[in-house]
Amino acid sequence: MWKLILGFIAFAALALFILSKSGGDIDMSGEKHGIDSHAPAASAPAAASAPASAAAPAASAASN
């Protein structure tokens, strides 16, 4: 039993050591569902619509 407790303490100490070495900038808040989480993805549909509008005249020319 004492080996189990000692192993847990060693594992916890190792985990705290690794987490402290990473600079402490670890986000443990889980999934984000706010406005901030969707800000980078907001520019993706605008960029994706430009090639689609450029391909539309080529598709209509091919059907003629």
PDB file of N, CA and C in Angstrom:
ATOM      1  N   MET A   1       0.827  -1.199   0.000  1.00  0.00           N
ATOM      2  CA  MET A   1       0.000   0.000   0.000  1.00  0.00           C
ATOM      3  C   MET A   1       0.872   1.264   0.000  1.00  0.00           C
ATOM      4  N   TRP A   2       1.955   1.201   0.745  1.00  0.00           N
ATOM      5  CA  TRP A   2       2.797   2.384   0.825  1.00  0.00           C
ATOM      6  C   TRP A   2       3.484   2.654  -0.515  1.00  0.00           C
ATOM      7  N   LYS A   3       3.702   1.589  -1.304  1.00  0.00           N
ATOM      8  CA  LYS A   3       4.321   1.763  -2.619  1.00  0.00           C
ATOM      9  C   LYS A   3       3.367   2.486  -3.571  1.00  0.00           C
ATOM     10  N   LEU A   4       2.078   2.178  -3.439  1.00  0.00           N
ATOM     11  CA  LEU A   4       1.075   2.845  -4.262  1.00  0.00           C
ATOM     12  C   LEU A   4       1.015   4.342  -3.951  1.00  0.00           C
ATOM     13  N   ILE A   5       1.033   4.666  -2.686  1.00  0.00           N
ATOM     14  CA  ILE A   5       1.002   6.085  -2.268  1.00  0.00           C
ATOM     15  C   ILE A   5       2.282   6.788  -2.700  1.00  0.00           C
ATOM     16  N   LEU A   6       3.410   6.131  -2.551  1.00  0.00           N
ATOM     17  CA  LEU A   6       4.684   6.726  -2.969  1.00  0.00           C
ATOM     18  C   LEU A   6       4.713   6.932  -4.480  1.00  0.00           C
ATOM     19  N   GLY A   7       4.181   5.979  -5.245  1.00  0.00           N
ATOM     20  CA  GLY A   7       4.119   6.128  -6.698  1.00  0.00           C
ATOM     21  C   GLY A   7       3.225   7.285  -7.109  1.00  0.00           C
ATOM     22  N   PHE A   8       2.086   7.452  -6.429  1.00  0.00           N
ATOM     23  CA  PHE A   8       1.198   8.570  -6.737  1.00  0.00           C
ATOM     24  C   PHE A   8       1.867   9.906  -6.440  1.00  0.00           C
ATOM     25  N   ILE A   9       2.556   9.987  -5.321  1.00  0.00           N
ATOM     26  CA  ILE A   9       3.250  11.235  -4.959  1.00  0.00           C
ATOM     27  C   ILE A   9       4.353  11.539  -5.974  1.00  0.00           C
ATOM     28  N   ALA A  10       5.081  10.514  -6.418  1.00  0.00           N
ATOM     29  CA  ALA A  10       6.141  10.725  -7.411  1.00  0.00           C
ATOM     30  C   ALA A  10       5.551  11.174  -8.744  1.00  0.00           C
ATOM     31  N   PHE A  11       4.427  10.564  -9.152  1.00  0.00           N
ATOM     32  CA  PHE A  11       3.788  10.948 -10.404  1.00  0.00           C
ATOM     33  C   PHE A  11       3.258  12.379 -10.324  1.00  0.00           C
ATOM     34  N   ALA A  12       2.649  12.746  -9.200  1.00  0.00           N
ATOM     35  CA  ALA A  12       2.133  14.105  -9.027  1.00  0.00           C
ATOM     36  C   ALA A  12       3.266  15.120  -9.035  1.00  0.00           C
ATOM     37  N   ALA A  13       4.371  14.795  -8.393  1.00  0.00           N
ATOM     38  CA  ALA A  13       5.520  15.705  -8.375  1.00  0.00           C
ATOM     39  C   ALA A  13       6.089  15.875  -9.786  1.00  0.00           C
ATOM     40  N   LEU A  14       6.156  14.794 -10.545  1.00  0.00           N
ATOM     41  CA  LEU A  14       6.650  14.870 -11.925  1.00  0.00           C
ATOM     42  C   LEU A  14       5.713  15.702 -12.791  1.00  0.00           C
ATOM     43  N   ALA A  15       4.407  15.527 -12.621  1.00  0.00           N
ATOM     44  CA  ALA A  15       3.440  16.301 -13.393  1.00  0.00           C
ATOM     45  C   ALA A  15       3.534  17.784 -13.069  1.00  0.00           C
ATOM     46  N   LEU A  16       3.646  18.115 -11.797  1.00  0.00           N
ATOM     47  CA  LEU A  16       3.785  19.527 -11.415  1.00  0.00           C
ATOM     48  C   LEU A  16       5.086  20.118 -11.941  1.00  0.00           C
ATOM     49  N   PHE A  17       6.154  19.340 -11.956  1.00  0.00           N
ATOM     50  CA  PHE A  17       7.427  19.814 -12.487  1.00  0.00           C
ATOM     51  C   PHE A  17       7.319  20.103 -13.981  1.00  0.00           C
ATOM     52  N   ILE A  18       6.705  19.201 -14.735  1.00  0.00           N
ATOM     53  CA  ILE A  18       6.557  19.391 -16.185  1.00  0.00           C
ATOM     54  C   ILE A  18       5.657  20.583 -16.484  1.00  0.00           C
ATOM     55  N   LEU A  19       4.564  20.721 -15.737  1.00  0.00           N
ATOM     56  CA  LEU A  19       3.666  21.854 -15.963  1.00  0.00           C
ATOM     57  C   LEU A  19       4.309  23.185 -15.611  1.00  0.00           C
ATOM     58  N   SER A  20       5.156  23.208 -14.597  1.00  0.00           N
ATOM     59  CA  SER A  20       5.811  24.464 -14.230  1.00  0.00           C
ATOM     60  C   SER A  20       6.903  24.836 -15.238  1.00  0.00           C
ATOM     61  N   LYS A  21       7.510  23.859 -15.897  1.00  0.00           N
ATOM     62  CA  LYS A  21       8.549  24.141 -16.888  1.00  0.00           C
ATOM     63  C   LYS A  21       7.979  24.711 -18.186  1.00  0.00           C
ATOM     64  N   SER A  22       6.696  24.518 -18.445  1.00  0.00           N
ATOM     65  CA  SER A  22       6.111  25.000 -19.694  1.00  0.00           C
ATOM     66  C   SER A  22       5.741  26.481 -19.627  1.00  0.00           C
ATOM     67  N   GLY A  23       6.072  27.151 -18.586  1.00  0.00           N
ATOM     68  CA  GLY A  23       5.831  28.577 -18.498  1.00  0.00           C
ATOM     69  C   GLY A  23       4.543  28.942 -17.780  1.00  0.00           C
ATOM     70  N   GLY A  24       3.758  27.971 -17.413  1.00  0.00           N
ATOM     71  CA  GLY A  24       2.532  28.243 -16.680  1.00  0.00           C
ATOM     72  C   GLY A  24       1.394  28.771 -17.527  1.00  0.00           C
ATOM     73  N   ASP A  25       1.538  28.749 -18.845  1.00  0.00           N
ATOM     74  CA  ASP A  25       0.484  29.261 -19.728  1.00  0.00           C
ATOM     75  C   ASP A  25      -0.356  28.101 -20.258  1.00  0.00           C
ATOM     76  N   ILE A  26      -0.967  27.373 -19.341  1.00  0.00           N
ATOM     77  CA  ILE A  26      -1.761  26.205 -19.703  1.00  0.00           C
ATOM     78  C   ILE A  26      -3.223  26.529 -19.440  1.00  0.00           C
ATOM     79  N   ASP A  27      -4.044  26.340 -20.457  1.00  0.00           N
ATOM     80  CA  ASP A  27      -5.468  26.635 -20.342  1.00  0.00           C
ATOM     81  C   ASP A  27      -6.216  25.349 -19.997  1.00  0.00           C
ATOM     82  N   MET A  28      -6.706  25.261 -18.778  1.00  0.00           N
ATOM     83  CA  MET A  28      -7.417  24.065 -18.324  1.00  0.00           C
ATOM     84  C   MET A  28      -8.918  24.307 -18.248  1.00  0.00           C
ATOM     85  N   SER A  29      -9.419  25.266 -19.017  1.00  0.00           N
ATOM     86  CA  SER A  29     -10.830  25.626 -18.902  1.00  0.00           C
ATOM     87  C   SER A  29     -11.742  24.764 -19.759  1.00  0.00           C
ATOM     88  N   GLY A  30     -11.202  23.911 -20.588  1.00  0.00           N
ATOM     89  CA  GLY A  30     -12.034  23.027 -21.394  1.00  0.00           C
ATOM     90  C   GLY A  30     -12.414  23.654 -22.720  1.00  0.00           C
ATOM     91  N   GLU A  31     -13.523  23.186 -23.291  1.00  0.00           N
ATOM     92  CA  GLU A  31     -13.967  23.691 -24.583  1.00  0.00           C
ATOM     93  C   GLU A  31     -14.457  25.119 -24.470  1.00  0.00           C
ATOM     94  N   LYS A  32     -14.244  25.880 -25.509  1.00  0.00           N
ATOM     95  CA  LYS A  32     -14.685  27.271 -25.522  1.00  0.00           C
ATOM     96  C   LYS A  32     -15.854  27.400 -26.482  1.00  0.00           C
ATOM     97  N   HIS A  33     -16.886  28.118 -26.046  1.00  0.00           N
ATOM     98  CA  HIS A  33     -18.072  28.290 -26.876  1.00  0.00           C
ATOM     99  C   HIS A  33     -18.457  29.755 -27.000  1.00  0.00           C
ATOM    100  N   GLY A  34     -17.519  30.655 -26.752  1.00  0.00           N
ATOM    101  CA  GLY A  34     -17.827  32.068 -26.807  1.00  0.00           C
ATOM    102  C   GLY A  34     -17.434  32.682 -28.132  1.00  0.00           C
ATOM    103  N   ILE A  35     -17.519  33.992 -28.187  1.00  0.00           N
ATOM    104  CA  ILE A  35     -17.180  34.739 -29.392  1.00  0.00           C
ATOM    105  C   ILE A  35     -15.683  34.621 -29.680  1.00  0.00           C
ATOM    106  N   ASP A  36     -14.869  34.611 -28.635  1.00  0.00           N
ATOM    107  CA  ASP A  36     -13.423  34.552 -28.819  1.00  0.00           C
ATOM    108  C   ASP A  36     -12.982  33.261 -29.491  1.00  0.00           C
ATOM    109  N   SER A  37     -13.682  32.167 -29.257  1.00  0.00           N
ATOM    110  CA  SER A  37     -13.255  30.899 -29.835  1.00  0.00           C
ATOM    111  C   SER A  37     -13.534  30.828 -31.332  1.00  0.00           C
ATOM    112  N   HIS A  38     -14.442  31.653 -31.853  1.00  0.00           N
ATOM    113  CA  HIS A  38     -14.785  31.608 -33.268  1.00  0.00           C
ATOM    114  C   HIS A  38     -14.179  32.756 -34.067  1.00  0.00           C
ATOM    115  N   ALA A  39     -13.360  33.583 -33.462  1.00  0.00           N
ATOM    116  CA  ALA A  39     -12.799  34.737 -34.156  1.00  0.00           C
ATOM    117  C   ALA A  39     -11.890  34.338 -35.322  1.00  0.00           C
ATOM    118  N   PRO A  40     -10.953  33.380 -35.184  1.00  0.00           N
ATOM    119  CA  PRO A  40     -10.111  33.036 -36.331  1.00  0.00           C
ATOM    120  C   PRO A  40     -10.894  32.365 -37.455  1.00  0.00           C
ATOM    121  N   ALA A  41     -11.934  31.648 -37.145  1.00  0.00           N
ATOM    122  CA  ALA A  41     -12.694  30.944 -38.166  1.00  0.00           C
ATOM    123  C   ALA A  41     -13.614  31.876 -38.948  1.00  0.00           C
ATOM    124  N   ALA A  42     -13.844  33.091 -38.449  1.00  0.00           N
ATOM    125  CA  ALA A  42     -14.747  34.026 -39.121  1.00  0.00           C
ATOM    126  C   ALA A  42     -14.165  34.507 -40.446  1.00  0.00           C
ATOM    127  N   SER A  43     -12.837  34.554 -40.554  1.00  0.00           N
ATOM    128  CA  SER A  43     -12.234  35.014 -41.808  1.00  0.00           C
ATOM    129  C   SER A  43     -12.179  33.897 -42.851  1.00  0.00           C
ATOM    130  N   ALA A  44     -12.308  32.649 -42.453  1.00  0.00           N
ATOM    131  CA  ALA A  44     -12.214  31.532 -43.393  1.00  0.00           C
ATOM    132  C   ALA A  44     -13.361  31.512 -44.408  1.00  0.00           C
ATOM    133  N   PRO A  45     -14.632  31.736 -44.040  1.00  0.00           N
ATOM    134  CA  PRO A  45     -15.681  31.708 -45.065  1.00  0.00           C
ATOM    135  C   PRO A  45     -15.537  32.825 -46.099  1.00  0.00           C
ATOM    136  N   ALA A  46     -15.029  33.979 -45.705  1.00  0.00           N
ATOM    137  CA  ALA A  46     -14.847  35.068 -46.655  1.00  0.00           C
ATOM    138  C   ALA A  46     -13.776  34.701 -47.682  1.00  0.00           C
ATOM    139  N   ALA A  47     -12.728  34.046 -47.231  1.00  0.00           N
ATOM    140  CA  ALA A  47     -11.671  33.644 -48.149  1.00  0.00           C
ATOM    141  C   ALA A  47     -12.129  32.488 -49.037  1.00  0.00           C
ATOM    142  N   ALA A  48     -12.986  31.643 -48.505  1.00  0.00           N
ATOM    143  CA  ALA A  48     -13.448  30.490 -49.281  1.00  0.00           C
ATOM    144  C   ALA A  48     -14.473  30.904 -50.342  1.00  0.00           C
ATOM    145  N   SER A  49     -15.188  32.012 -50.124  1.00  0.00           N
ATOM    146  CA  SER A  49     -16.206  32.412 -51.090  1.00  0.00           C
ATOM    147  C   SER A  49     -15.594  33.071 -52.331  1.00  0.00           C
ATOM    148  N   ALA A  50     -14.401  33.624 -52.214  1.00  0.00           N
ATOM    149  CA  ALA A  50     -13.767  34.265 -53.358  1.00  0.00           C
ATOM    150  C   ALA A  50     -13.441  33.274 -54.470  1.00  0.00           C
ATOM    151  N   PRO A  51     -12.829  32.119 -54.193  1.00  0.00           N
ATOM    152  CA  PRO A  51     -12.575  31.173 -55.279  1.00  0.00           C
ATOM    153  C   PRO A  51     -13.868  30.592 -55.862  1.00  0.00           C
ATOM    154  N   ALA A  52     -14.893  30.454 -55.056  1.00  0.00           N
ATOM    155  CA  ALA A  52     -16.150  29.912 -55.562  1.00  0.00           C
ATOM    156  C   ALA A  52     -16.798  30.881 -56.547  1.00  0.00           C
ATOM    157  N   SER A  53     -16.712  32.189 -56.276  1.00  0.00           N
ATOM    158  CA  SER A  53     -17.302  33.159 -57.193  1.00  0.00           C
ATOM    159  C   SER A  53     -16.475  33.281 -58.473  1.00  0.00           C
ATOM    160  N   ALA A  54     -15.178  33.023 -58.377  1.00  0.00           N
ATOM    161  CA  ALA A  54     -14.333  33.055 -59.568  1.00  0.00           C
ATOM    162  C   ALA A  54     -14.577  31.824 -60.442  1.00  0.00           C
ATOM    163  N   ALA A  55     -14.970  30.712 -59.805  1.00  0.00           N
ATOM    164  CA  ALA A  55     -15.203  29.485 -60.563  1.00  0.00           C
ATOM    165  C   ALA A  55     -16.575  29.483 -61.221  1.00  0.00           C
ATOM    166  N   ALA A  56     -17.494  30.309 -60.788  1.00  0.00           N
ATOM    167  CA  ALA A  56     -18.848  30.327 -61.347  1.00  0.00           C
ATOM    168  C   ALA A  56     -18.869  30.734 -62.817  1.00  0.00           C
ATOM    169  N   PRO A  57     -18.157  31.793 -63.252  1.00  0.00           N
ATOM    170  CA  PRO A  57     -18.167  32.123 -64.685  1.00  0.00           C
ATOM    171  C   PRO A  57     -17.543  31.016 -65.544  1.00  0.00           C
ATOM    172  N   ALA A  58     -16.551  30.344 -65.018  1.00  0.00           N
ATOM    173  CA  ALA A  58     -15.911  29.275 -65.787  1.00  0.00           C
ATOM    174  C   ALA A  58     -16.881  28.105 -65.961  1.00  0.00           C
ATOM    175  N   ALA A  59     -17.680  27.841 -64.939  1.00  0.00           N
ATOM    176  CA  ALA A  59     -18.646  26.739 -65.036  1.00  0.00           C
ATOM    177  C   ALA A  59     -19.753  27.082 -66.027  1.00  0.00           C
ATOM    178  N   SER A  60     -20.197  28.344 -66.056  1.00  0.00           N
ATOM    179  CA  SER A  60     -21.252  28.712 -66.987  1.00  0.00           C
ATOM    180  C   SER A  60     -20.736  28.741 -68.436  1.00  0.00           C
ATOM    181  N   ALA A  61     -19.472  29.084 -68.612  1.00  0.00           N
ATOM    182  CA  ALA A  61     -18.873  29.087 -69.942  1.00  0.00           C
ATOM    183  C   ALA A  61     -18.712  27.652 -70.460  1.00  0.00           C
ATOM    184  N   ALA A  62     -18.424  26.732 -69.540  1.00  0.00           N
ATOM    185  CA  ALA A  62     -18.236  25.348 -69.953  1.00  0.00           C
ATOM    186  C   ALA A  62     -19.548  24.698 -70.341  1.00  0.00           C
ATOM    187  N   SER A  63     -20.647  25.151 -69.769  1.00  0.00           N
ATOM    188  CA  SER A  63     -21.938  24.539 -70.066  1.00  0.00           C
ATOM    189  C   SER A  63     -22.513  25.042 -71.401  1.00  0.00           C
ATOM    190  N   ASN A  64     -21.993  26.148 -71.918  1.00  0.00           N
ATOM    191  CA  ASN A  64     -22.486  26.689 -73.193  1.00  0.00           C
ATOM    192  C   ASN A  64     -21.941  25.960 -74.321  1.00  0.00           C
TER     193      ASN A  64
END
